C-alpha atoms as a PDB file:
ATOM      1  CA  UNK A   1     146.451 158.651  82.148  1.00  0.00           C
ATOM      2  CA  UNK A   2     146.785 156.902  78.820  1.00  0.00           C
ATOM      3  CA  UNK A   3     143.747 155.871  76.684  1.00  0.00           C
ATOM      4  CA  UNK A   4     144.788 152.182  77.078  1.00  0.00           C
ATOM      5  CA  UNK A   5     145.043 152.456  80.916  1.00  0.00           C
ATOM      6  CA  UNK A   6     141.512 154.332  81.079  1.00  0.00           C
ATOM      7  CA  UNK A   7     139.939 151.710  78.761  1.00  0.00           C
ATOM      8  CA  UNK A   8     141.159 148.718  80.832  1.00  0.00           C
ATOM      9  CA  UNK A   9     140.177 150.318  84.180  1.00  0.00           C
ATOM     10  CA  UNK A  10     136.707 151.223  82.778  1.00  0.00           C
ATOM     11  CA  UNK A  11     136.332 147.566  81.404  1.00  0.00           C
ATOM     12  CA  UNK A  12     137.329 146.194  84.829  1.00  0.00           C
ATOM     13  CA  UNK A  13     134.952 148.453  86.648  1.00  0.00           C
ATOM     14  CA  UNK A  14     132.083 147.494  84.276  1.00  0.00           C
ATOM     15  CA  UNK A  15     133.060 143.825  84.677  1.00  0.00           C
ATOM     16  CA  UNK A  16     132.735 144.187  88.393  1.00  0.00           C
ATOM     17  CA  UNK A  17     129.340 145.791  88.196  1.00  0.00           C
ATOM     18  CA  UNK A  18     128.239 143.007  85.803  1.00  0.00           C
ATOM     19  CA  UNK A  19     129.691 140.170  88.125  1.00  0.00           C
ATOM     20  CA  UNK A  20     127.497 141.720  90.908  1.00  0.00           C
ATOM     21  CA  UNK A  21     124.353 141.892  88.648  1.00  0.00           C
ATOM     22  CA  UNK A  22     124.932 138.313  87.649  1.00  0.00           C
ATOM     23  CA  UNK A  23     124.779 137.239  91.178  1.00  0.00           C
ATOM     24  CA  UNK A  24     121.516 139.239  91.616  1.00  0.00           C
ATOM     25  CA  UNK A  25     120.040 137.600  88.676  1.00  0.00           C
ATOM     26  CA  UNK A  26     121.006 134.070  89.875  1.00  0.00           C
ATOM     27  CA  UNK A  27     119.400 134.739  93.359  1.00  0.00           C
ATOM     28  CA  UNK A  28     116.308 135.919  91.608  1.00  0.00           C
ATOM     29  CA  UNK A  29     116.279 133.177  89.128  1.00  0.00           C
ATOM     30  CA  UNK A  30     116.547 135.324  86.157  1.00  0.00           C
ATOM     31  CA  UNK A  31     118.582 132.677  84.153  1.00  0.00           C
ATOM     32  CA  UNK A  32     117.804 134.200  80.768  1.00  0.00           C
ATOM     33  CA  UNK A  33     119.421 137.532  81.682  1.00  0.00           C
ATOM     34  CA  UNK A  34     122.384 135.681  83.266  1.00  0.00           C
ATOM     35  CA  UNK A  35     123.076 133.742  80.277  1.00  0.00           C
ATOM     36  CA  UNK A  36     122.551 136.566  77.878  1.00  0.00           C
ATOM     37  CA  UNK A  37     125.297 138.519  79.924  1.00  0.00           C
ATOM     38  CA  UNK A  38     127.861 135.942  79.195  1.00  0.00           C
ATOM     39  CA  UNK A  39     128.777 137.530  75.887  1.00  0.00           C
ATOM     40  CA  UNK A  40     129.072 141.032  77.493  1.00  0.00           C
ATOM     41  CA  UNK A  41     131.312 139.529  80.113  1.00  0.00           C
ATOM     42  CA  UNK A  42     133.607 137.872  77.464  1.00  0.00           C
ATOM     43  CA  UNK A  43     133.820 141.154  75.691  1.00  0.00           C
ATOM     44  CA  UNK A  44     134.836 143.052  78.899  1.00  0.00           C
ATOM     45  CA  UNK A  45     137.308 140.534  79.859  1.00  0.00           C
ATOM     46  CA  UNK A  46     138.931 140.711  76.425  1.00  0.00           C
ATOM     47  CA  UNK A  47     139.509 144.455  76.992  1.00  0.00           C
ATOM     48  CA  UNK A  48     141.623 143.903  80.261  1.00  0.00           C
ATOM     49  CA  UNK A  49     145.313 143.921  79.458  1.00  0.00           C
ATOM     50  CA  UNK A  50     148.159 144.292  81.848  1.00  0.00           C
ATOM     51  CA  UNK A  51     150.752 145.473  79.438  1.00  0.00           C
ATOM     52  CA  UNK A  52     149.344 149.072  79.537  1.00  0.00           C
ATOM     53  CA  UNK A  53     150.343 149.268  83.170  1.00  0.00           C
ATOM     54  CA  UNK A  54     154.067 149.112  82.737  1.00  0.00           C
ATOM     55  CA  UNK A  55     155.536 151.737  85.208  1.00  0.00           C
ATOM     56  CA  UNK A  56     152.159 152.438  86.622  1.00  0.00           C
ATOM     57  CA  UNK A  57     152.327 150.177  89.696  1.00  0.00           C
ATOM     58  CA  UNK A  58     149.767 152.028  91.662  1.00  0.00           C
ATOM     59  CA  UNK A  59     147.115 151.497  88.879  1.00  0.00           C
ATOM     60  CA  UNK A  60     148.393 148.111  88.221  1.00  0.00           C
ATOM     61  CA  UNK A  61     147.710 147.224  92.028  1.00  0.00           C
ATOM     62  CA  UNK A  62     144.248 148.832  91.770  1.00  0.00           C
ATOM     63  CA  UNK A  63     143.333 146.708  88.807  1.00  0.00           C
ATOM     64  CA  UNK A  64     144.686 143.618  90.604  1.00  0.00           C
ATOM     65  CA  UNK A  65     142.442 144.386  93.541  1.00  0.00           C
ATOM     66  CA  UNK A  66     139.470 144.780  91.439  1.00  0.00           C
ATOM     67  CA  UNK A  67     140.178 141.645  89.379  1.00  0.00           C
ATOM     68  CA  UNK A  68     140.440 139.811  92.764  1.00  0.00           C
ATOM     69  CA  UNK A  69     136.971 141.099  93.735  1.00  0.00           C
ATOM     70  CA  UNK A  70     135.676 139.899  90.289  1.00  0.00           C
ATOM     71  CA  UNK A  71     137.074 136.367  90.851  1.00  0.00           C
ATOM     72  CA  UNK A  72     135.468 136.288  94.304  1.00  0.00           C
ATOM     73  CA  UNK A  73     132.172 137.330  92.818  1.00  0.00           C
ATOM     74  CA  UNK A  74     132.487 134.559  90.137  1.00  0.00           C
ATOM     75  CA  UNK A  75     133.227 132.064  92.945  1.00  0.00           C
ATOM     76  CA  UNK A  76     130.048 133.335  94.658  1.00  0.00           C
ATOM     77  CA  UNK A  77     128.072 132.673  91.669  1.00  0.00           C
ATOM     78  CA  UNK A  78     129.119 129.018  91.160  1.00  0.00           C
ATOM     79  CA  UNK A  79     127.023 127.611  94.240  1.00  0.00           C
ATOM     80  CA  UNK A  80     124.088 129.487  92.999  1.00  0.00           C
ATOM     81  CA  UNK A  81     124.376 128.002  89.472  1.00  0.00           C
ATOM     82  CA  UNK A  82     125.026 124.450  91.053  1.00  0.00           C
ATOM     83  CA  UNK A  83     121.933 124.657  93.065  1.00  0.00           C
ATOM     84  CA  UNK A  84     119.788 125.760  90.083  1.00  0.00           C
ATOM     85  CA  UNK A  85     121.313 122.848  88.083  1.00  0.00           C
ATOM     86  CA  UNK A  86     120.466 120.402  90.911  1.00  0.00           C
ATOM     87  CA  UNK A  87     116.846 121.728  91.207  1.00  0.00           C
ATOM     88  CA  UNK A  88     116.252 121.434  87.474  1.00  0.00           C
ATOM     89  CA  UNK A  89     117.588 117.741  87.643  1.00  0.00           C
ATOM     90  CA  UNK A  90     114.986 116.965  90.181  1.00  0.00           C
ATOM     91  CA  UNK A  91     112.220 118.601  88.197  1.00  0.00           C
ATOM     92  CA  UNK A  92     113.188 116.805  85.093  1.00  0.00           C
ATOM     93  CA  UNK A  93     113.089 113.537  86.924  1.00  0.00           C
ATOM     94  CA  UNK A  94     109.604 114.276  88.051  1.00  0.00           C
ATOM     95  CA  UNK A  95     108.556 115.192  84.624  1.00  0.00           C
ATOM     96  CA  UNK A  96     110.116 111.929  83.211  1.00  0.00           C
ATOM     97  CA  UNK A  97     108.248 109.909  85.693  1.00  0.00           C
ATOM     98  CA  UNK A  98     104.903 111.565  85.064  1.00  0.00           C
ATOM     99  CA  UNK A  99     105.419 110.987  81.195  1.00  0.00           C
ATOM    100  CA  UNK A 100     106.262 107.272  81.802  1.00  0.00           C
ATOM    101  CA  UNK A 101     103.090 106.931  84.054  1.00  0.00           C
ATOM    102  CA  UNK A 102     101.001 108.700  81.352  1.00  0.00           C
ATOM    103  CA  UNK A 103     102.264 106.507  78.603  1.00  0.00           C
ATOM    104  CA  UNK A 104     101.691 103.526  80.776  1.00  0.00           C
ATOM    105  CA  UNK A 105      98.130 104.604  81.351  1.00  0.00           C
ATOM    106  CA  UNK A 106      97.454 105.181  77.734  1.00  0.00           C
ATOM    107  CA  UNK A 107      98.667 101.776  76.814  1.00  0.00           C
ATOM    108  CA  UNK A 108      96.723 100.123  79.526  1.00  0.00           C
ATOM    109  CA  UNK A 109      93.511 102.108  78.558  1.00  0.00           C
ATOM    110  CA  UNK A 110      93.987 100.835  75.010  1.00  0.00           C
ATOM    111  CA  UNK A 111      94.288  97.195  76.291  1.00  0.00           C
ATOM    112  CA  UNK A 112      97.864  96.921  75.563  1.00  0.00           C
ATOM    113  CA  UNK A 113     100.096  94.964  77.815  1.00  0.00           C
ATOM    114  CA  UNK A 114     103.364  96.219  79.325  1.00  0.00           C
END
């Protein structure tokens, strides 16, 4: 097997492992780790080239199957991210209401109006 093929297959395997790990981090609420992994994900994706598989249909099919699994894992991650975003939006609204209430109380306690 040529070095180019080996490198692509290794990158794809690591990318699949990372995709699984990112789902785990999302489920555990470990957002910093997930965000930090984005750079590594990009590096691995850049190493995946299909041109090195010319004449290697068996390995090309294997890569395609792995890339499909990675895509499916990425699609599984999306609702987890959306849920976290929505939960953060609710929390932000609560904080903003509390801050507005605190400002109103402060103004009232100083005898200011409205």
